[in-house]
Amino acid sequence: MTEHVDRSEPEAVAVPASAAVTPADAADAARLVAFGLQPKLQPARDQEYADLLRRHREDPAFARLADAVAAGLGLIVLEVSPRAGMAVTAAEDSVFAVRMGDYARRASADGSDRFLHGLAHLCVAAMSFPRPEDLADDGYIGRVSVNGVDAFVRQACHRLEQRAQEQGENTDPATDAPGLEAAWRIWARRSSTGATKDARRLAGSTTGIVGKAVAFLTDSGFLQRTGDDNGGTYRTTARYQLQVRDMAGSAAMAELLELGVVPVTDGTPTLLPAEESDDLELVADAGLPFHS
């Protein structure tokens, strides 16, 4: 009899009542995810948000519940902290996913500009965090400008053209050819600012495309506008660092950094000749923070 009781004791242990999930817990977890979907909201300025973040940090059961709610919505939790809040990014099959094709159609009537919009986002990311140590440093703040990004892409165009000439490659491929290199060549042909009677930059100009990119990133809580110089100057946020950190292994980013990006601190582009290496084949929709 005694032996029977001893063997069955572990199986008879019930889950503590305090560990049961209540409707209030589920509501709080969903509330935290909802805060995370408001990228401009800062925990330091919202006491409820800050309290839920602290609960996520101190209560493992609640943290698992909130993460599960996010996963059910097709969201990937990048970080939960006072500096970034509940930073999430959309998985490819999430209803919250933004696709480059959709973004380009909203930003421009010309569907072929999808290449250029993707390149603009890629170059903003590369200029914001040009070195691996910049991405690894939580305290690092990147700075970019609209004119600086445009100038940077044009320097990259020049470098690619030089490399193609040295290797005897065709320097004038079809404009609809796949790959990021084709996008650079399309960019080189496009006017930097365009011309309007009131001196505004055209939406289809390259600075207009960069302007759309940084405006989208600002609205998404990834950048903060700091001034009007050089077409508009911006600084990065913790959320953008996490986003770029998550996408840094992409082939498109590797190709761009391979050209020789060096540290920048004021939004001014700098490019050094890269060591000779085989070109990478890149997808046409390469861009941050979008899905192809």
Protein backbone atom coordinates (compact mmCIF):
# COMPACT_ATOMS: atom_id res chain seq x y z
CA MET A 1 0.00 0.00 0.00
CA THR A 2 2.77 2.39 0.94
CA GLU A 3 4.72 1.57 -2.21
CA HIS A 4 1.64 2.24 -4.35
CA VAL A 5 1.19 5.67 -2.81
CA ASP A 6 4.86 6.59 -3.34
CA ARG A 7 4.75 5.62 -7.04
CA SER A 8 1.60 7.56 -7.78
CA GLU A 9 2.51 10.74 -5.93
CA PRO A 10 4.38 12.49 -8.78
CA GLU A 11 1.51 11.82 -11.19
CA ALA A 12 -0.99 13.21 -8.73
CA VAL A 13 0.66 16.65 -8.52
CA ALA A 14 -1.78 19.16 -9.94
CA VAL A 15 -0.93 22.38 -11.76
CA PRO A 16 -1.11 25.23 -9.25
CA ALA A 17 -4.22 27.32 -9.63
CA SER A 18 -2.07 30.44 -9.94
CA ALA A 19 -0.54 29.07 -13.17
CA ALA A 20 -3.91 28.80 -14.94
CA VAL A 21 -4.43 31.33 -17.71
CA THR A 22 -7.32 33.66 -17.03
CA PRO A 23 -9.22 35.82 -19.52
CA ALA A 24 -7.57 38.84 -17.89
CA ASP A 25 -4.12 37.38 -18.54
CA ALA A 26 -4.98 36.77 -22.18
CA ALA A 27 -6.30 40.31 -22.49
CA ASP A 28 -3.11 41.74 -20.99
CA ALA A 29 -0.95 39.64 -23.31
CA ALA A 30 -2.93 40.81 -26.34
CA ARG A 31 -2.70 44.37 -25.05
CA LEU A 32 1.09 44.11 -24.92
CA VAL A 33 1.22 42.82 -28.51
CA ALA A 34 -1.09 45.68 -29.53
CA PHE A 35 1.37 48.14 -27.98
CA GLY A 36 4.13 46.44 -29.97
CA LEU A 37 2.20 47.10 -33.17
CA GLN A 38 2.36 50.84 -32.45
CA PRO A 39 6.03 51.40 -33.32
CA LYS A 40 6.06 55.10 -32.45
CA LEU A 41 4.79 54.49 -28.93
CA GLN A 42 7.59 54.69 -26.39
CA PRO A 43 7.30 52.66 -23.16
CA ALA A 44 8.76 55.53 -21.16
CA ARG A 45 5.74 57.65 -22.11
CA ASP A 46 3.03 55.09 -21.39
CA GLN A 47 2.78 53.63 -17.89
CA GLU A 48 0.55 50.70 -18.89
CA TYR A 49 2.97 49.71 -21.63
CA ALA A 50 5.91 49.93 -19.21
CA ASP A 51 4.05 47.83 -16.62
CA LEU A 52 3.26 45.10 -19.16
CA LEU A 53 6.87 45.03 -20.31
CA ARG A 54 7.99 44.60 -16.73
CA ARG A 55 5.50 41.79 -16.27
CA HIS A 56 6.81 40.11 -19.42
CA ARG A 57 10.31 40.30 -17.99
CA GLU A 58 9.44 39.08 -14.49
CA ASP A 59 6.66 36.54 -15.17
CA PRO A 60 7.78 33.69 -17.47
CA ALA A 61 4.23 32.33 -17.82
CA PHE A 62 2.95 35.71 -18.97
CA ALA A 63 5.92 36.09 -21.33
CA ARG A 64 5.11 32.74 -22.95
CA LEU A 65 1.47 33.77 -23.30
CA ALA A 66 2.31 37.11 -24.93
CA ASP A 67 4.81 35.47 -27.28
CA ALA A 68 2.17 32.90 -28.23
CA VAL A 69 -0.35 35.65 -29.02
CA ALA A 70 2.24 37.31 -31.25
CA ALA A 71 3.02 34.02 -32.98
CA GLY A 72 -0.67 33.41 -33.60
CA LEU A 73 -0.84 36.73 -35.43
CA GLY A 74 2.15 35.82 -37.60
CA LEU A 75 4.51 38.12 -35.74
CA ILE A 76 8.12 37.39 -34.81
CA VAL A 77 9.23 38.90 -31.49
CA LEU A 78 12.66 40.47 -31.97
CA GLU A 79 13.08 41.89 -28.49
CA VAL A 80 11.07 42.85 -25.43
CA SER A 81 12.83 45.56 -23.45
CA PRO A 82 12.37 49.08 -22.06
CA ARG A 83 14.46 50.54 -24.93
CA ALA A 84 12.60 48.90 -27.82
CA GLY A 85 9.28 47.97 -26.25
CA MET A 86 7.79 44.80 -27.68
CA ALA A 87 9.59 44.91 -31.01
CA VAL A 88 7.93 42.63 -33.56
CA THR A 89 8.30 42.00 -37.26
CA ALA A 90 5.79 40.29 -39.52
CA ALA A 91 6.43 36.80 -40.83
CA GLU A 92 6.00 36.29 -44.54
CA ASP A 93 2.52 34.78 -44.17
CA SER A 94 1.29 37.34 -41.64
CA VAL A 95 -1.60 39.66 -42.37
CA PHE A 96 0.72 42.44 -41.14
CA ALA A 97 3.42 41.68 -43.74
CA VAL A 98 4.26 44.52 -46.13
CA ARG A 99 5.42 43.43 -49.57
CA MET A 100 7.71 45.44 -51.79
CA GLY A 101 5.39 45.09 -54.77
CA ASP A 102 2.46 46.56 -52.82
CA TYR A 103 4.62 49.32 -51.36
CA ALA A 104 6.01 50.28 -54.78
CA ARG A 105 2.54 50.39 -56.34
CA ARG A 106 1.38 52.75 -53.59
CA ALA A 107 4.47 54.92 -53.91
CA SER A 108 4.63 55.07 -57.71
CA ALA A 109 2.42 54.45 -60.72
CA ASP A 110 5.34 52.81 -62.51
CA GLY A 111 5.56 49.14 -61.51
CA SER A 112 9.16 48.90 -62.73
CA ASP A 113 10.19 51.26 -59.92
CA ARG A 114 9.82 48.34 -57.51
CA PHE A 115 13.53 47.64 -58.07
CA LEU A 116 14.45 51.20 -57.14
CA HIS A 117 12.29 51.31 -54.01
CA GLY A 118 13.85 48.07 -52.81
CA LEU A 119 17.32 49.44 -53.46
CA ALA A 120 16.52 52.64 -51.55
CA HIS A 121 15.49 50.67 -48.46
CA LEU A 122 18.52 48.43 -48.72
CA CYS A 123 20.91 51.38 -48.93
CA VAL A 124 19.27 53.23 -46.04
CA ALA A 125 19.86 50.13 -43.91
CA ALA A 126 23.46 49.74 -45.07
CA MET A 127 24.29 53.39 -44.41
CA SER A 128 22.57 53.32 -41.03
CA PHE A 129 24.63 50.37 -39.78
CA PRO A 130 27.66 50.01 -42.06
CA ARG A 131 29.69 47.74 -39.76
CA PRO A 132 28.82 44.54 -37.88
CA GLU A 133 29.86 46.20 -34.63
CA ASP A 134 27.31 48.95 -35.24
CA LEU A 135 24.53 46.39 -35.36
CA ALA A 136 25.87 44.64 -32.27
CA ASP A 137 26.11 47.83 -30.20
CA ASP A 138 22.73 48.59 -28.59
CA GLY A 139 23.83 52.18 -27.98
CA TYR A 140 24.78 52.90 -31.60
CA ILE A 141 22.67 55.48 -33.46
CA GLY A 142 22.96 55.64 -37.23
CA ARG A 143 22.34 58.80 -39.23
CA VAL A 144 21.33 59.16 -42.86
CA SER A 145 20.12 61.85 -45.22
CA VAL A 146 18.04 61.65 -48.40
CA ASN A 147 20.72 63.24 -50.57
CA GLY A 148 23.38 61.13 -48.88
CA VAL A 149 21.60 57.87 -49.70
CA ASP A 150 21.11 58.96 -53.32
CA ALA A 151 24.77 59.91 -53.64
CA PHE A 152 25.80 56.63 -52.06
CA VAL A 153 23.82 54.59 -54.59
CA ARG A 154 25.31 56.59 -57.44
CA GLN A 155 28.81 55.91 -56.12
CA ALA A 156 27.91 52.23 -55.99
CA CYS A 157 26.67 52.47 -59.60
CA HIS A 158 29.99 53.97 -60.66
CA ARG A 159 31.94 51.27 -58.87
CA LEU A 160 29.87 48.50 -60.49
CA GLU A 161 30.28 50.06 -63.93
CA GLN A 162 34.05 50.20 -63.45
CA ARG A 163 34.13 46.56 -62.39
CA ALA A 164 32.01 45.50 -65.36
CA GLN A 165 34.29 47.35 -67.78
CA GLU A 166 37.39 45.82 -66.24
CA GLN A 167 35.91 42.35 -66.65
CA GLY A 168 34.65 43.03 -70.17
CA GLU A 169 31.02 42.56 -69.21
CA ASN A 170 28.00 44.11 -70.88
CA THR A 171 27.52 47.49 -69.23
CA ASP A 172 24.09 48.15 -70.74
CA PRO A 173 21.80 45.24 -69.86
CA ALA A 174 18.07 45.23 -70.49
CA THR A 175 16.28 47.42 -67.95
CA ASP A 176 14.01 44.55 -66.93
CA ALA A 177 16.90 42.17 -66.18
CA PRO A 178 16.63 40.52 -62.75
CA GLY A 179 19.04 41.24 -59.96
CA LEU A 180 20.11 44.16 -57.83
CA GLU A 181 22.86 45.20 -60.25
CA ALA A 182 20.22 45.90 -62.88
CA ALA A 183 18.43 48.12 -60.36
CA TRP A 184 21.63 50.10 -59.81
CA ARG A 185 21.94 50.71 -63.53
CA ILE A 186 18.33 51.83 -63.76
CA TRP A 187 19.04 54.19 -60.84
CA ALA A 188 22.02 55.72 -62.66
CA ARG A 189 19.81 56.60 -65.61
CA ARG A 190 17.12 58.21 -63.47
CA SER A 191 17.18 61.93 -62.67
CA SER A 192 18.26 62.74 -59.13
CA THR A 193 15.61 65.39 -58.48
CA GLY A 194 13.58 65.92 -61.64
CA ALA A 195 12.13 69.33 -62.30
CA THR A 196 8.89 71.06 -61.35
CA LYS A 197 7.85 74.67 -61.64
CA ASP A 198 7.96 75.13 -57.86
CA ALA A 199 11.32 73.32 -57.48
CA ARG A 200 9.86 70.30 -55.70
CA ARG A 201 11.51 66.93 -56.27
CA LEU A 202 9.54 64.56 -58.43
CA ALA A 203 8.20 61.40 -56.81
CA GLY A 204 9.82 59.32 -59.57
CA SER A 205 13.25 60.91 -59.14
CA THR A 206 15.82 59.01 -57.12
CA THR A 207 15.71 61.47 -54.22
CA GLY A 208 11.92 61.27 -54.40
CA ILE A 209 12.15 57.48 -54.07
CA VAL A 210 14.55 57.76 -51.12
CA GLY A 211 12.22 60.33 -49.57
CA LYS A 212 9.34 57.85 -49.80
CA ALA A 213 11.51 55.18 -48.17
CA VAL A 214 12.59 57.28 -45.19
CA ALA A 215 9.05 58.63 -44.74
CA PHE A 216 7.74 55.06 -44.57
CA LEU A 217 10.48 54.07 -42.11
CA THR A 218 9.69 57.13 -39.99
CA ASP A 219 5.98 56.30 -39.93
CA SER A 220 6.91 52.74 -38.97
CA GLY A 221 8.96 53.89 -35.98
CA PHE A 222 12.30 52.88 -37.52
CA LEU A 223 13.68 56.39 -38.13
CA GLN A 224 13.23 59.79 -36.52
CA ARG A 225 13.52 62.97 -38.57
CA THR A 226 16.15 65.34 -37.18
CA GLY A 227 16.34 68.16 -39.74
CA ASP A 228 15.80 69.42 -43.27
CA ASP A 229 19.41 69.55 -44.47
CA ASN A 230 20.47 67.41 -47.43
CA GLY A 231 16.90 66.63 -48.39
CA GLY A 232 16.03 65.55 -44.85
CA THR A 233 18.18 64.01 -42.12
CA TYR A 234 17.22 61.08 -39.93
CA ARG A 235 18.47 59.04 -36.98
CA THR A 236 17.81 55.37 -36.33
CA THR A 237 15.75 53.88 -33.52
CA ALA A 238 16.26 50.71 -31.49
CA ARG A 239 13.48 49.04 -33.49
CA TYR A 240 15.26 49.71 -36.78
CA GLN A 241 18.50 48.29 -35.42
CA LEU A 242 16.66 45.12 -34.46
CA GLN A 243 14.98 44.96 -37.88
CA VAL A 244 18.25 45.35 -39.78
CA ARG A 245 19.98 42.95 -37.41
CA ASP A 246 17.32 40.37 -38.28
CA MET A 247 17.82 40.88 -42.03
CA ALA A 248 21.59 41.46 -42.10
CA GLY A 249 22.32 37.99 -43.47
CA SER A 250 20.47 38.62 -46.74
CA ALA A 251 22.38 38.23 -49.99
CA ALA A 252 21.45 41.77 -51.03
CA MET A 253 23.00 43.30 -47.91
CA ALA A 254 26.13 41.18 -48.36
CA GLU A 255 26.50 42.33 -51.96
CA LEU A 256 26.15 45.97 -51.01
CA LEU A 257 28.61 45.81 -48.12
CA GLU A 258 31.02 43.94 -50.38
CA LEU A 259 31.44 47.15 -52.36
CA GLY A 260 33.31 48.66 -49.43
CA VAL A 261 31.03 50.67 -47.17
CA VAL A 262 32.93 52.40 -44.38
CA PRO A 263 31.60 54.01 -41.18
CA VAL A 264 29.49 57.14 -41.54
CA THR A 265 28.20 59.35 -38.74
CA ASP A 266 26.49 62.34 -40.35
CA GLY A 267 24.53 60.91 -43.28
CA THR A 268 27.38 61.50 -45.75
CA PRO A 269 28.05 58.56 -48.08
CA THR A 270 31.51 57.03 -48.25
CA LEU A 271 32.53 54.19 -50.51
CA LEU A 272 35.89 52.44 -50.93
CA PRO A 273 36.90 50.10 -53.75
CA ALA A 274 36.15 46.51 -52.82
CA GLU A 275 38.39 43.52 -53.23
CA GLU A 276 37.77 41.51 -56.38
CA SER A 277 35.20 38.76 -55.86
CA ASP A 278 32.51 36.92 -57.76
CA ASP A 279 29.21 38.75 -58.06
CA LEU A 280 26.20 37.37 -56.23
CA GLU A 281 22.89 36.71 -57.94
CA LEU A 282 20.29 38.75 -56.09
CA VAL A 283 16.54 38.65 -56.06
CA ALA A 284 14.66 41.53 -57.65
CA ASP A 285 12.59 42.31 -54.58
CA ALA A 286 15.52 42.58 -52.17
CA GLY A 287 14.72 45.35 -49.74
CA LEU A 288 14.16 46.11 -46.08
CA PRO A 289 11.92 45.58 -44.23
CA PHE A 290 9.78 43.90 -46.87
CA HIS A 291 9.00 40.39 -48.00
CA SER A 292 9.51 39.46 -51.62
